[in-house]
Amino acid sequence: MKKLIKPALAIALTLSFTISAAAYDRVSPFADVAADSWYCRYSTDTYDKGIMAGISDTTFAPDLMLTRGMAASLIYRMYGSPEVKYSNRFSDISNNEWYTDGIMWAEESGIMTGYTDGTFCPDWSITVEQLASVLYRLAGCPNVSADAHVLDGYKDDFLISSYAKDAVIWAVSNGMLYGTTLHPTSAVTRAEASKMLSVYTTVYDYGIISTTGDISDYIRKYYDSTFDFTKYDFVRDGDDICLYYVVDGYVSTFGYRAVMSGDKLLRVEMIGKMNPYLLSTNPKAPDITDDELYAMALENADDKLIVLSQNIRRYFDMDSMKFVFEVSTVYTDKNGEEATELYRYEV
């Protein structure tokens, strides 16, 4: 179900980006960014998007190496700088440092981790393949098995670490890297980072996701071109937005979770998996009433003194291909204590 952008779409996106990049054919706000430099349009784009500022009002420092703390902070800013709580999960990250919130958020979001000794090392340089891996995780780790050939033109592809190979393939496929070599283990410069962030936020439709229509458009573009929103049920889970596939009026255990950061889409994750047999069948929900389910639950329960309430949860289990009814009965036992019993009926 999950898929990488197809070649034709990638070409269309590249053309779209080329056109939009032309809008930045203007004088850079930074004195050290020449108008004819390869990174001018990218640094201008990320500046205009509020992602990368200069190290001063007039200096961008394109050749300065990006650190892990800087990378976490840039992406944290890219997603609206949501409120985070400090914890001492990393021994070298104290509260109220300029990079603290970004690192806390990046770790909580599952896009950056620390080291086995309990440190994060915010001042260490981040490499090309490491930053590609961070953005690849942001994108939901799309399948790149069909695009491995994009590395054939690089003589230094053997330098890519095994954990980062899919991420580098993905980055190359989307035109995020600069130069005739990959130099995957070299520290990434601010200029190179500006290109990666600029292309990412163009290809992945960076911006506010405010409606379920925006989410469904995103899923069709990057995950399932046949996605039909009318077959899914919308559910809020905190800040996240869940879309569950519906079978004969019942939500199923398959769907998508749009992981949000404020009002911006962080990534899309699949919930469960689609059962291929469902597409060749037409399951029908049983004709059973609430009263019948309540009675069945009581018949299978231990002796109760007083039933306080009963509730029913209904869904379609993709694994078993059955409709499931879970009846929760709250009662007072013989000792006067309140207890709950769950009855499950499958058909």
C-alpha atoms as a PDB file:
ATOM      1  CA  MET A   1       0.000   0.000   0.000  1.00  0.00           C
ATOM      2  CA  LYS A   2       2.808   2.415   0.837  1.00  0.00           C
ATOM      3  CA  LYS A   3       4.729   3.560  -2.220  1.00  0.00           C
ATOM      4  CA  LEU A   4       7.450   5.920  -3.318  1.00  0.00           C
ATOM      5  CA  ILE A   5       6.734   8.715  -5.769  1.00  0.00           C
ATOM      6  CA  LYS A   6       6.641   7.183  -9.224  1.00  0.00           C
ATOM      7  CA  PRO A   7       9.151   8.459 -11.837  1.00  0.00           C
ATOM      8  CA  ALA A   8       6.531  10.441 -13.770  1.00  0.00           C
ATOM      9  CA  LEU A   9       5.360  12.131 -10.608  1.00  0.00           C
ATOM     10  CA  ALA A  10       8.929  12.781  -9.551  1.00  0.00           C
ATOM     11  CA  ILE A  11       9.545  14.532 -12.854  1.00  0.00           C
ATOM     12  CA  ALA A  12       6.412  16.618 -12.412  1.00  0.00           C
ATOM     13  CA  LEU A  13       7.484  17.588  -8.921  1.00  0.00           C
ATOM     14  CA  THR A  14      10.954  18.471 -10.135  1.00  0.00           C
ATOM     15  CA  LEU A  15       9.485  20.715 -12.812  1.00  0.00           C
ATOM     16  CA  SER A  16       7.163  22.255 -10.257  1.00  0.00           C
ATOM     17  CA  PHE A  17      10.098  22.939  -7.991  1.00  0.00           C
ATOM     18  CA  THR A  18      12.134  24.454 -10.803  1.00  0.00           C
ATOM     19  CA  ILE A  19       9.304  26.838 -11.578  1.00  0.00           C
ATOM     20  CA  SER A  20       8.758  27.789  -7.940  1.00  0.00           C
ATOM     21  CA  ALA A  21      12.490  28.200  -7.431  1.00  0.00           C
ATOM     22  CA  ALA A  22      12.521  30.860 -10.127  1.00  0.00           C
ATOM     23  CA  ALA A  23      10.522  33.022  -7.755  1.00  0.00           C
ATOM     24  CA  TYR A  24      13.681  33.324  -5.678  1.00  0.00           C
ATOM     25  CA  ASP A  25      15.674  34.903  -8.485  1.00  0.00           C
ATOM     26  CA  ARG A  26      16.299  37.991  -6.388  1.00  0.00           C
ATOM     27  CA  VAL A  27      18.980  39.458  -4.182  1.00  0.00           C
ATOM     28  CA  SER A  28      19.675  37.225  -1.197  1.00  0.00           C
ATOM     29  CA  PRO A  29      19.119  38.761   2.236  1.00  0.00           C
ATOM     30  CA  PHE A  30      22.645  37.574   3.099  1.00  0.00           C
ATOM     31  CA  ALA A  31      25.825  39.326   2.017  1.00  0.00           C
ATOM     32  CA  ASP A  32      27.756  36.041   1.791  1.00  0.00           C
ATOM     33  CA  VAL A  33      25.287  34.374  -0.599  1.00  0.00           C
ATOM     34  CA  ALA A  34      26.051  35.295  -4.201  1.00  0.00           C
ATOM     35  CA  ALA A  35      23.087  35.461  -6.582  1.00  0.00           C
ATOM     36  CA  ASP A  36      24.791  33.000  -8.957  1.00  0.00           C
ATOM     37  CA  SER A  37      25.719  30.448  -6.276  1.00  0.00           C
ATOM     38  CA  TRP A  38      24.099  27.014  -6.549  1.00  0.00           C
ATOM     39  CA  TYR A  39      22.577  27.343  -3.091  1.00  0.00           C
ATOM     40  CA  CYS A  40      21.174  30.887  -3.390  1.00  0.00           C
ATOM     41  CA  ARG A  41      17.614  29.833  -4.261  1.00  0.00           C
ATOM     42  CA  TYR A  42      17.583  27.140  -1.570  1.00  0.00           C
ATOM     43  CA  SER A  43      18.880  29.348   1.224  1.00  0.00           C
ATOM     44  CA  THR A  44      16.410  32.052   0.151  1.00  0.00           C
ATOM     45  CA  ASP A  45      13.559  29.542   0.080  1.00  0.00           C
ATOM     46  CA  THR A  46      14.280  28.178   3.565  1.00  0.00           C
ATOM     47  CA  TYR A  47      14.725  31.729   4.850  1.00  0.00           C
ATOM     48  CA  ASP A  48      11.355  32.793   3.411  1.00  0.00           C
ATOM     49  CA  LYS A  49       9.708  29.702   4.899  1.00  0.00           C
ATOM     50  CA  GLY A  50      11.067  30.602   8.314  1.00  0.00           C
ATOM     51  CA  ILE A  51      13.179  27.431   8.551  1.00  0.00           C
ATOM     52  CA  MET A  52      16.769  28.669   8.278  1.00  0.00           C
ATOM     53  CA  ALA A  53      17.846  32.069   9.481  1.00  0.00           C
ATOM     54  CA  GLY A  54      21.362  33.372   9.159  1.00  0.00           C
ATOM     55  CA  ILE A  55      23.961  33.286  11.905  1.00  0.00           C
ATOM     56  CA  SER A  56      23.467  37.063  11.856  1.00  0.00           C
ATOM     57  CA  ASP A  57      21.140  39.458  10.036  1.00  0.00           C
ATOM     58  CA  THR A  58      23.494  39.585   7.056  1.00  0.00           C
ATOM     59  CA  THR A  59      25.452  36.315   7.215  1.00  0.00           C
ATOM     60  CA  PHE A  60      24.224  32.883   6.169  1.00  0.00           C
ATOM     61  CA  ALA A  61      27.555  31.012   6.549  1.00  0.00           C
ATOM     62  CA  PRO A  62      26.922  28.471   3.747  1.00  0.00           C
ATOM     63  CA  ASP A  63      30.114  26.490   4.438  1.00  0.00           C
ATOM     64  CA  LEU A  64      29.529  26.163   8.182  1.00  0.00           C
ATOM     65  CA  MET A  65      29.011  22.557   9.238  1.00  0.00           C
ATOM     66  CA  LEU A  66      25.588  21.695  10.603  1.00  0.00           C
ATOM     67  CA  THR A  67      25.507  20.093  14.057  1.00  0.00           C
ATOM     68  CA  ARG A  68      23.036  17.603  15.484  1.00  0.00           C
ATOM     69  CA  GLY A  69      21.625  20.291  17.738  1.00  0.00           C
ATOM     70  CA  MET A  70      21.209  22.654  14.777  1.00  0.00           C
ATOM     71  CA  ALA A  71      19.479  19.952  12.684  1.00  0.00           C
ATOM     72  CA  ALA A  72      16.988  19.142  15.441  1.00  0.00           C
ATOM     73  CA  SER A  73      16.252  22.834  15.940  1.00  0.00           C
ATOM     74  CA  LEU A  74      15.764  23.550  12.227  1.00  0.00           C
ATOM     75  CA  ILE A  75      13.256  20.743  11.753  1.00  0.00           C
ATOM     76  CA  TYR A  76      11.522  21.610  15.031  1.00  0.00           C
ATOM     77  CA  ARG A  77      11.097  25.147  13.708  1.00  0.00           C
ATOM     78  CA  MET A  78       9.929  23.747  10.379  1.00  0.00           C
ATOM     79  CA  TYR A  79       7.002  22.094  12.161  1.00  0.00           C
ATOM     80  CA  GLY A  80       5.886  25.132  14.090  1.00  0.00           C
ATOM     81  CA  SER A  81       7.938  24.837  17.304  1.00  0.00           C
ATOM     82  CA  PRO A  82       5.176  23.062  19.283  1.00  0.00           C
ATOM     83  CA  GLU A  83       5.289  23.089  23.073  1.00  0.00           C
ATOM     84  CA  VAL A  84       7.450  20.355  24.588  1.00  0.00           C
ATOM     85  CA  LYS A  85       8.345  19.347  28.122  1.00  0.00           C
ATOM     86  CA  TYR A  86      11.931  18.949  29.225  1.00  0.00           C
ATOM     87  CA  SER A  87      13.179  15.631  30.527  1.00  0.00           C
ATOM     88  CA  ASN A  88      16.675  14.533  31.463  1.00  0.00           C
ATOM     89  CA  ARG A  89      16.687  11.645  29.004  1.00  0.00           C
ATOM     90  CA  PHE A  90      20.079  12.800  27.668  1.00  0.00           C
ATOM     91  CA  SER A  91      22.884  13.406  30.143  1.00  0.00           C
ATOM     92  CA  ASP A  92      24.416  16.182  28.012  1.00  0.00           C
ATOM     93  CA  ILE A  93      21.200  18.149  27.333  1.00  0.00           C
ATOM     94  CA  SER A  94      20.258  20.586  30.073  1.00  0.00           C
ATOM     95  CA  ASN A  95      17.094  22.645  30.187  1.00  0.00           C
ATOM     96  CA  ASN A  96      16.749  26.034  28.479  1.00  0.00           C
ATOM     97  CA  GLU A  97      19.608  25.672  25.982  1.00  0.00           C
ATOM     98  CA  TRP A  98      18.895  27.054  22.504  1.00  0.00           C
ATOM     99  CA  TYR A  99      18.669  23.526  21.110  1.00  0.00           C
ATOM    100  CA  THR A 100      16.864  21.807  24.025  1.00  0.00           C
ATOM    101  CA  ASP A 101      13.260  22.019  22.779  1.00  0.00           C
ATOM    102  CA  GLY A 102      14.230  20.900  19.284  1.00  0.00           C
ATOM    103  CA  ILE A 103      16.095  17.859  20.587  1.00  0.00           C
ATOM    104  CA  MET A 104      13.269  16.904  22.975  1.00  0.00           C
ATOM    105  CA  TRP A 105      10.764  17.174  20.117  1.00  0.00           C
ATOM    106  CA  ALA A 106      12.940  15.289  17.603  1.00  0.00           C
ATOM    107  CA  GLU A 107      13.403  12.393  20.020  1.00  0.00           C
ATOM    108  CA  GLU A 108       9.722  12.269  21.003  1.00  0.00           C
ATOM    109  CA  SER A 109       8.759  12.332  17.310  1.00  0.00           C
ATOM    110  CA  GLY A 110      11.019   9.367  16.535  1.00  0.00           C
ATOM    111  CA  ILE A 111      13.152  11.153  13.953  1.00  0.00           C
ATOM    112  CA  MET A 112      16.396  11.509  15.968  1.00  0.00           C
ATOM    113  CA  THR A 113      17.827   9.398  18.757  1.00  0.00           C
ATOM    114  CA  GLY A 114      20.699   9.605  21.159  1.00  0.00           C
ATOM    115  CA  TYR A 115      23.598   7.230  21.720  1.00  0.00           C
ATOM    116  CA  THR A 116      23.807   4.099  23.852  1.00  0.00           C
ATOM    117  CA  ASP A 117      25.745   5.926  26.564  1.00  0.00           C
ATOM    118  CA  GLY A 118      22.770   8.227  27.168  1.00  0.00           C
ATOM    119  CA  THR A 119      24.141  11.274  25.342  1.00  0.00           C
ATOM    120  CA  PHE A 120      22.821  13.196  22.343  1.00  0.00           C
ATOM    121  CA  CYS A 121      26.036  15.043  21.393  1.00  0.00           C
ATOM    122  CA  PRO A 122      24.402  18.252  20.108  1.00  0.00           C
ATOM    123  CA  ASP A 123      27.724  19.775  19.023  1.00  0.00           C
ATOM    124  CA  TRP A 124      28.749  16.868  16.822  1.00  0.00           C
ATOM    125  CA  SER A 125      28.468  17.455  13.096  1.00  0.00           C
ATOM    126  CA  ILE A 126      25.621  15.680  11.325  1.00  0.00           C
ATOM    127  CA  THR A 127      26.591  13.895   8.127  1.00  0.00           C
ATOM    128  CA  VAL A 128      24.865  13.908   4.751  1.00  0.00           C
ATOM    129  CA  GLU A 129      23.521  10.389   5.226  1.00  0.00           C
ATOM    130  CA  GLN A 130      22.377  11.160   8.786  1.00  0.00           C
ATOM    131  CA  LEU A 131      20.386  14.225   7.729  1.00  0.00           C
ATOM    132  CA  ALA A 132      18.962  12.250   4.797  1.00  0.00           C
ATOM    133  CA  SER A 133      17.885   9.577   7.306  1.00  0.00           C
ATOM    134  CA  VAL A 134      16.163  12.161   9.511  1.00  0.00           C
ATOM    135  CA  LEU A 135      14.165  13.543   6.573  1.00  0.00           C
ATOM    136  CA  TYR A 136      13.467  10.022   5.296  1.00  0.00           C
ATOM    137  CA  ARG A 137      11.907   9.160   8.652  1.00  0.00           C
ATOM    138  CA  LEU A 138       9.883  12.383   8.496  1.00  0.00           C
ATOM    139  CA  ALA A 139       8.555  11.223   5.136  1.00  0.00           C
ATOM    140  CA  GLY A 140       7.385   7.920   6.655  1.00  0.00           C
ATOM    141  CA  CYS A 141      10.218   5.731   5.275  1.00  0.00           C
ATOM    142  CA  PRO A 142       8.716   5.152   1.795  1.00  0.00           C
ATOM    143  CA  ASN A 143       9.635   2.007  -0.129  1.00  0.00           C
ATOM    144  CA  VAL A 144      12.644   2.645  -2.386  1.00  0.00           C
ATOM    145  CA  SER A 145      13.351  -0.896  -3.614  1.00  0.00           C
ATOM    146  CA  ALA A 146      12.546   0.069  -7.209  1.00  0.00           C
ATOM    147  CA  ASP A 147      14.890   3.075  -7.196  1.00  0.00           C
ATOM    148  CA  ALA A 148      18.226   1.610  -6.079  1.00  0.00           C
ATOM    149  CA  HIS A 149      19.570   2.225  -9.592  1.00  0.00           C
ATOM    150  CA  VAL A 150      19.787   5.969  -8.885  1.00  0.00           C
ATOM    151  CA  LEU A 151      23.071   5.311  -7.061  1.00  0.00           C
ATOM    152  CA  ASP A 152      24.694   3.770 -10.134  1.00  0.00           C
ATOM    153  CA  GLY A 153      26.079   7.104 -11.274  1.00  0.00           C
ATOM    154  CA  TYR A 154      28.041   7.700  -8.080  1.00  0.00           C
ATOM    155  CA  LYS A 155      31.497   6.202  -7.584  1.00  0.00           C
ATOM    156  CA  ASP A 156      31.385   6.610  -3.802  1.00  0.00           C
ATOM    157  CA  ASP A 157      28.087   4.826  -3.161  1.00  0.00           C
ATOM    158  CA  PHE A 158      30.007   2.082  -1.341  1.00  0.00           C
ATOM    159  CA  LEU A 159      30.631   4.590   1.466  1.00  0.00           C
ATOM    160  CA  ILE A 160      26.962   4.691   2.438  1.00  0.00           C
ATOM    161  CA  SER A 161      26.330   3.072   5.810  1.00  0.00           C
ATOM    162  CA  SER A 162      23.927   0.127   5.632  1.00  0.00           C
ATOM    163  CA  TYR A 163      21.356   1.789   7.902  1.00  0.00           C
ATOM    164  CA  ALA A 164      21.234   4.868   5.644  1.00  0.00           C
ATOM    165  CA  LYS A 165      21.123   3.287   2.187  1.00  0.00           C
ATOM    166  CA  ASP A 166      17.352   3.550   1.700  1.00  0.00           C
ATOM    167  CA  ALA A 167      17.414   7.138   2.952  1.00  0.00           C
ATOM    168  CA  VAL A 168      20.182   8.134   0.517  1.00  0.00           C
ATOM    169  CA  ILE A 169      18.380   6.415  -2.385  1.00  0.00           C
ATOM    170  CA  TRP A 170      15.248   8.365  -1.437  1.00  0.00           C
ATOM    171  CA  ALA A 171      17.172  11.648  -1.157  1.00  0.00           C
ATOM    172  CA  VAL A 172      18.847  11.166  -4.549  1.00  0.00           C
ATOM    173  CA  SER A 173      15.531  10.165  -6.165  1.00  0.00           C
ATOM    174  CA  ASN A 174      13.999  13.417  -4.967  1.00  0.00           C
ATOM    175  CA  GLY A 175      16.948  15.602  -6.017  1.00  0.00           C
ATOM    176  CA  MET A 176      17.936  16.625  -2.506  1.00  0.00           C
ATOM    177  CA  LEU A 177      21.695  16.143  -2.693  1.00  0.00           C
ATOM    178  CA  TYR A 178      24.264  18.379  -4.356  1.00  0.00           C
ATOM    179  CA  GLY A 179      27.401  17.497  -6.266  1.00  0.00           C
ATOM    180  CA  THR A 180      28.826  14.721  -8.428  1.00  0.00           C
ATOM    181  CA  THR A 181      29.640  12.607  -5.379  1.00  0.00           C
ATOM    182  CA  LEU A 182      27.471  11.484  -2.498  1.00  0.00           C
ATOM    183  CA  HIS A 183      30.087  12.049   0.257  1.00  0.00           C
ATOM    184  CA  PRO A 184      27.595  10.402   2.622  1.00  0.00           C
ATOM    185  CA  THR A 185      29.797  10.388   5.711  1.00  0.00           C
ATOM    186  CA  SER A 186      30.976  13.988   5.319  1.00  0.00           C
ATOM    187  CA  ALA A 187      29.543  16.654   7.593  1.00  0.00           C
ATOM    188  CA  VAL A 188      26.697  18.443   5.844  1.00  0.00           C
ATOM    189  CA  THR A 189      27.096  22.181   5.316  1.00  0.00           C
ATOM    190  CA  ARG A 190      24.402  24.777   5.881  1.00  0.00           C
ATOM    191  CA  ALA A 191      24.244  25.267   2.107  1.00  0.00           C
ATOM    192  CA  GLU A 192      23.681  21.545   1.529  1.00  0.00           C
ATOM    193  CA  ALA A 193      21.156  21.429   4.363  1.00  0.00           C
ATOM    194  CA  SER A 194      19.252  24.349   2.844  1.00  0.00           C
ATOM    195  CA  LYS A 195      18.846  22.403  -0.395  1.00  0.00           C
ATOM    196  CA  MET A 196      17.685  19.253   1.395  1.00  0.00           C
ATOM    197  CA  LEU A 197      15.155  21.185   3.478  1.00  0.00           C
ATOM    198  CA  SER A 198      13.995  23.347   0.581  1.00  0.00           C
ATOM    199  CA  VAL A 199      13.386  20.357  -1.704  1.00  0.00           C
ATOM    200  CA  TYR A 200      11.758  18.343   1.097  1.00  0.00           C
ATOM    201  CA  THR A 201       9.304  21.113   1.923  1.00  0.00           C
ATOM    202  CA  THR A 202       8.489  21.533  -1.766  1.00  0.00           C
ATOM    203  CA  VAL A 203       8.114  17.884  -2.738  1.00  0.00           C
ATOM    204  CA  TYR A 204       6.180  17.039   0.424  1.00  0.00           C
ATOM    205  CA  ASP A 205       3.785  19.966   0.182  1.00  0.00           C
ATOM    206  CA  TYR A 206       5.060  21.687   3.297  1.00  0.00           C
ATOM    207  CA  GLY A 207       2.340  23.796   4.824  1.00  0.00           C
ATOM    208  CA  ILE A 208      -0.690  23.760   7.040  1.00  0.00           C
ATOM    209  CA  ILE A 209      -2.836  20.628   6.958  1.00  0.00           C
ATOM    210  CA  SER A 210      -6.219  21.822   8.174  1.00  0.00           C
ATOM    211  CA  THR A 211      -8.783  19.425   6.692  1.00  0.00           C
ATOM    212  CA  THR A 212      -9.224  15.719   6.086  1.00  0.00           C
ATOM    213  CA  GLY A 213      -9.227  16.554   2.383  1.00  0.00           C
ATOM    214  CA  ASP A 214      -5.622  17.733   2.722  1.00  0.00           C
ATOM    215  CA  ILE A 215      -4.726  14.454   4.425  1.00  0.00           C
ATOM    216  CA  SER A 216      -6.429  12.328   1.755  1.00  0.00           C
ATOM    217  CA  ASP A 217      -4.684  14.258  -1.029  1.00  0.00           C
ATOM    218  CA  TYR A 218      -1.364  13.602   0.703  1.00  0.00           C
ATOM    219  CA  ILE A 219      -2.079   9.865   1.057  1.00  0.00           C
ATOM    220  CA  ARG A 220      -3.073   9.581  -2.613  1.00  0.00           C
ATOM    221  CA  LYS A 221       0.103  11.346  -3.671  1.00  0.00           C
ATOM    222  CA  TYR A 222       2.642   9.467  -1.579  1.00  0.00           C
ATOM    223  CA  TYR A 223       1.057   6.244  -0.301  1.00  0.00           C
ATOM    224  CA  ASP A 224      -1.935   4.960  -2.284  1.00  0.00           C
ATOM    225  CA  SER A 225      -3.062   6.529  -5.539  1.00  0.00           C
ATOM    226  CA  THR A 226      -6.398   4.668  -5.271  1.00  0.00           C
ATOM    227  CA  PHE A 227      -7.195   6.059  -1.812  1.00  0.00           C
ATOM    228  CA  ASP A 228     -10.893   6.901  -1.507  1.00  0.00           C
ATOM    229  CA  PHE A 229     -11.720   9.059   1.506  1.00  0.00           C
ATOM    230  CA  THR A 230     -15.405   8.062   1.362  1.00  0.00           C
ATOM    231  CA  LYS A 231     -14.401   4.530   2.406  1.00  0.00           C
ATOM    232  CA  TYR A 232     -12.713   5.758   5.590  1.00  0.00           C
ATOM    233  CA  ASP A 233     -13.933   7.076   8.912  1.00  0.00           C
ATOM    234  CA  PHE A 234     -12.297  10.148  10.456  1.00  0.00           C
ATOM    235  CA  VAL A 235     -11.211   9.901  14.120  1.00  0.00           C
ATOM    236  CA  ARG A 236      -9.247  12.404  16.219  1.00  0.00           C
ATOM    237  CA  ASP A 237      -6.612  10.948  18.558  1.00  0.00           C
ATOM    238  CA  GLY A 238      -5.180  13.900  20.444  1.00  0.00           C
ATOM    239  CA  ASP A 239      -3.434  16.050  17.827  1.00  0.00           C
ATOM    240  CA  ASP A 240      -3.228  13.150  15.376  1.00  0.00           C
ATOM    241  CA  ILE A 241      -5.816  12.353  12.706  1.00  0.00           C
ATOM    242  CA  CYS A 242      -6.766   8.718  12.095  1.00  0.00           C
ATOM    243  CA  LEU A 243      -8.579   7.412   9.024  1.00  0.00           C
ATOM    244  CA  TYR A 244      -9.993   3.888   9.449  1.00  0.00           C
ATOM    245  CA  TYR A 245     -11.223   1.772   6.534  1.00  0.00           C
ATOM    246  CA  VAL A 246     -14.963   1.046   6.798  1.00  0.00           C
ATOM    247  CA  VAL A 247     -16.485  -2.377   6.049  1.00  0.00           C
ATOM    248  CA  ASP A 248     -20.282  -2.413   5.731  1.00  0.00           C
ATOM    249  CA  GLY A 249     -20.591   0.516   8.112  1.00  0.00           C
ATOM    250  CA  TYR A 250     -18.056  -0.737  10.658  1.00  0.00           C
ATOM    251  CA  VAL A 251     -14.591   0.756  11.143  1.00  0.00           C
ATOM    252  CA  SER A 252     -11.821  -1.771  10.598  1.00  0.00           C
ATOM    253  CA  THR A 253      -8.403  -2.332  12.095  1.00  0.00           C
ATOM    254  CA  PHE A 254      -6.718  -0.932   8.961  1.00  0.00           C
ATOM    255  CA  GLY A 255      -6.156   2.717   8.200  1.00  0.00           C
ATOM    256  CA  TYR A 256      -3.755   5.639   8.304  1.00  0.00           C
ATOM    257  CA  ARG A 257      -2.552   7.847  11.126  1.00  0.00           C
ATOM    258  CA  ALA A 258      -1.561  11.389  10.207  1.00  0.00           C
ATOM    259  CA  VAL A 259       0.960  12.329  12.890  1.00  0.00           C
ATOM    260  CA  MET A 260       0.597  16.049  13.444  1.00  0.00           C
ATOM    261  CA  SER A 261       2.838  18.710  14.930  1.00  0.00           C
ATOM    262  CA  GLY A 262       0.472  21.554  15.641  1.00  0.00           C
ATOM    263  CA  ASP A 263      -1.306  22.157  12.338  1.00  0.00           C
ATOM    264  CA  LYS A 264       1.426  20.634  10.169  1.00  0.00           C
ATOM    265  CA  LEU A 265       1.727  17.062   8.984  1.00  0.00           C
ATOM    266  CA  LEU A 266       4.771  15.339  10.450  1.00  0.00           C
ATOM    267  CA  ARG A 267       4.381  11.962   8.766  1.00  0.00           C
ATOM    268  CA  VAL A 268       1.791   9.340   7.801  1.00  0.00           C
ATOM    269  CA  GLU A 269       1.829   5.870   9.330  1.00  0.00           C
ATOM    270  CA  MET A 270      -0.226   2.833   8.319  1.00  0.00           C
ATOM    271  CA  ILE A 271      -2.411   1.299  11.019  1.00  0.00           C
ATOM    272  CA  GLY A 272      -2.497  -2.480  10.712  1.00  0.00           C
ATOM    273  CA  LYS A 273      -2.594  -3.891   7.199  1.00  0.00           C
ATOM    274  CA  MET A 274      -5.186  -4.345   4.492  1.00  0.00           C
ATOM    275  CA  ASN A 275      -6.338  -7.942   4.035  1.00  0.00           C
ATOM    276  CA  PRO A 276      -6.067  -8.687   0.276  1.00  0.00           C
ATOM    277  CA  TYR A 277      -8.997 -11.131   0.484  1.00  0.00           C
ATOM    278  CA  LEU A 278     -11.314  -8.296   1.496  1.00  0.00           C
ATOM    279  CA  LEU A 279     -11.134  -6.806  -1.988  1.00  0.00           C
ATOM    280  CA  SER A 280     -12.566  -9.985  -3.541  1.00  0.00           C
ATOM    281  CA  THR A 281     -15.329 -10.449  -0.961  1.00  0.00           C
ATOM    282  CA  ASN A 282     -18.217  -8.403   0.314  1.00  0.00           C
ATOM    283  CA  PRO A 283     -18.518  -9.019   4.075  1.00  0.00           C
ATOM    284  CA  LYS A 284     -21.912  -8.218   5.555  1.00  0.00           C
ATOM    285  CA  ALA A 285     -22.430  -7.229   9.167  1.00  0.00           C
ATOM    286  CA  PRO A 286     -24.677  -9.573  11.156  1.00  0.00           C
ATOM    287  CA  ASP A 287     -28.216  -8.562  11.971  1.00  0.00           C
ATOM    288  CA  ILE A 288     -27.907  -8.390  15.745  1.00  0.00           C
ATOM    289  CA  THR A 289     -29.371  -5.861  18.179  1.00  0.00           C
ATOM    290  CA  ASP A 290     -27.793  -4.176  21.160  1.00  0.00           C
ATOM    291  CA  ASP A 291     -30.257  -5.903  23.495  1.00  0.00           C
ATOM    292  CA  GLU A 292     -29.223  -9.298  22.140  1.00  0.00           C
ATOM    293  CA  LEU A 293     -25.552  -8.501  22.699  1.00  0.00           C
ATOM    294  CA  TYR A 294     -26.219  -7.240  26.213  1.00  0.00           C
ATOM    295  CA  ALA A 295     -28.134 -10.422  27.027  1.00  0.00           C
ATOM    296  CA  MET A 296     -25.350 -12.620  25.615  1.00  0.00           C
ATOM    297  CA  ALA A 297     -22.789 -10.803  27.732  1.00  0.00           C
ATOM    298  CA  LEU A 298     -24.830 -11.333  30.908  1.00  0.00           C
ATOM    299  CA  GLU A 299     -25.394 -15.016  30.125  1.00  0.00           C
ATOM    300  CA  ASN A 300     -21.634 -15.558  29.902  1.00  0.00           C
ATOM    301  CA  ALA A 301     -20.824 -13.508  32.984  1.00  0.00           C
ATOM    302  CA  ASP A 302     -20.418 -14.544  36.598  1.00  0.00           C
ATOM    303  CA  ASP A 303     -23.228 -13.947  39.068  1.00  0.00           C
ATOM    304  CA  LYS A 304     -23.676 -10.196  39.519  1.00  0.00           C
ATOM    305  CA  LEU A 305     -25.724  -8.290  42.037  1.00  0.00           C
ATOM    306  CA  ILE A 306     -26.266  -5.004  40.221  1.00  0.00           C
ATOM    307  CA  VAL A 307     -25.451  -4.115  36.616  1.00  0.00           C
ATOM    308  CA  LEU A 308     -24.543  -0.416  36.475  1.00  0.00           C
ATOM    309  CA  SER A 309     -23.975   0.024  32.724  1.00  0.00           C
ATOM    310  CA  GLN A 310     -23.176  -1.757  29.488  1.00  0.00           C
ATOM    311  CA  ASN A 311     -21.384  -0.423  26.397  1.00  0.00           C
ATOM    312  CA  ILE A 312     -20.616  -1.955  23.024  1.00  0.00           C
ATOM    313  CA  ARG A 313     -17.562  -1.451  20.797  1.00  0.00           C
ATOM    314  CA  ARG A 314     -18.009  -2.627  17.214  1.00  0.00           C
ATOM    315  CA  TYR A 315     -15.350  -3.065  14.491  1.00  0.00           C
ATOM    316  CA  PHE A 316     -14.178  -5.276  11.630  1.00  0.00           C
ATOM    317  CA  ASP A 317     -10.977  -7.272  12.280  1.00  0.00           C
ATOM    318  CA  MET A 318      -8.865  -7.360   9.113  1.00  0.00           C
ATOM    319  CA  ASP A 319      -6.802 -10.324  10.323  1.00  0.00           C
ATOM    320  CA  SER A 320      -9.711 -12.658  11.114  1.00  0.00           C
ATOM    321  CA  MET A 321     -12.074 -11.101   8.531  1.00  0.00           C
ATOM    322  CA  LYS A 322     -14.802 -11.054  11.186  1.00  0.00           C
ATOM    323  CA  PHE A 323     -17.052  -8.447  12.716  1.00  0.00           C
ATOM    324  CA  VAL A 324     -16.239  -8.028  16.396  1.00  0.00           C
ATOM    325  CA  PHE A 325     -18.519  -6.877  19.217  1.00  0.00           C
ATOM    326  CA  GLU A 326     -16.981  -6.161  22.609  1.00  0.00           C
ATOM    327  CA  VAL A 327     -19.511  -5.663  25.373  1.00  0.00           C
ATOM    328  CA  SER A 328     -18.205  -3.962  28.504  1.00  0.00           C
ATOM    329  CA  THR A 329     -20.356  -4.564  31.584  1.00  0.00           C
ATOM    330  CA  VAL A 330     -19.850  -2.483  34.727  1.00  0.00           C
ATOM    331  CA  TYR A 331     -21.377  -4.038  37.826  1.00  0.00           C
ATOM    332  CA  THR A 332     -21.325  -4.070  41.616  1.00  0.00           C
ATOM    333  CA  ASP A 333     -20.203  -7.403  43.061  1.00  0.00           C
ATOM    334  CA  LYS A 334     -21.365  -9.104  46.243  1.00  0.00           C
ATOM    335  CA  ASN A 335     -18.828  -7.135  48.264  1.00  0.00           C
ATOM    336  CA  GLY A 336     -20.250  -3.873  46.994  1.00  0.00           C
ATOM    337  CA  GLU A 337     -17.192  -3.138  44.880  1.00  0.00           C
ATOM    338  CA  GLU A 338     -17.411  -1.896  41.317  1.00  0.00           C
ATOM    339  CA  ALA A 339     -15.879  -4.096  38.614  1.00  0.00           C
ATOM    340  CA  THR A 340     -15.863  -4.420  34.811  1.00  0.00           C
ATOM    341  CA  GLU A 341     -16.118  -7.506  32.624  1.00  0.00           C
ATOM    342  CA  LEU A 342     -15.525  -7.700  28.871  1.00  0.00           C
ATOM    343  CA  TYR A 343     -17.436 -10.063  26.575  1.00  0.00           C
ATOM    344  CA  ARG A 344     -16.247 -10.544  22.978  1.00  0.00           C
ATOM    345  CA  TYR A 345     -18.457 -11.876  20.205  1.00  0.00           C
ATOM    346  CA  GLU A 346     -17.128 -12.546  16.675  1.00  0.00           C
ATOM    347  CA  VAL A 347     -19.105 -13.434  13.602  1.00  0.00           C
END
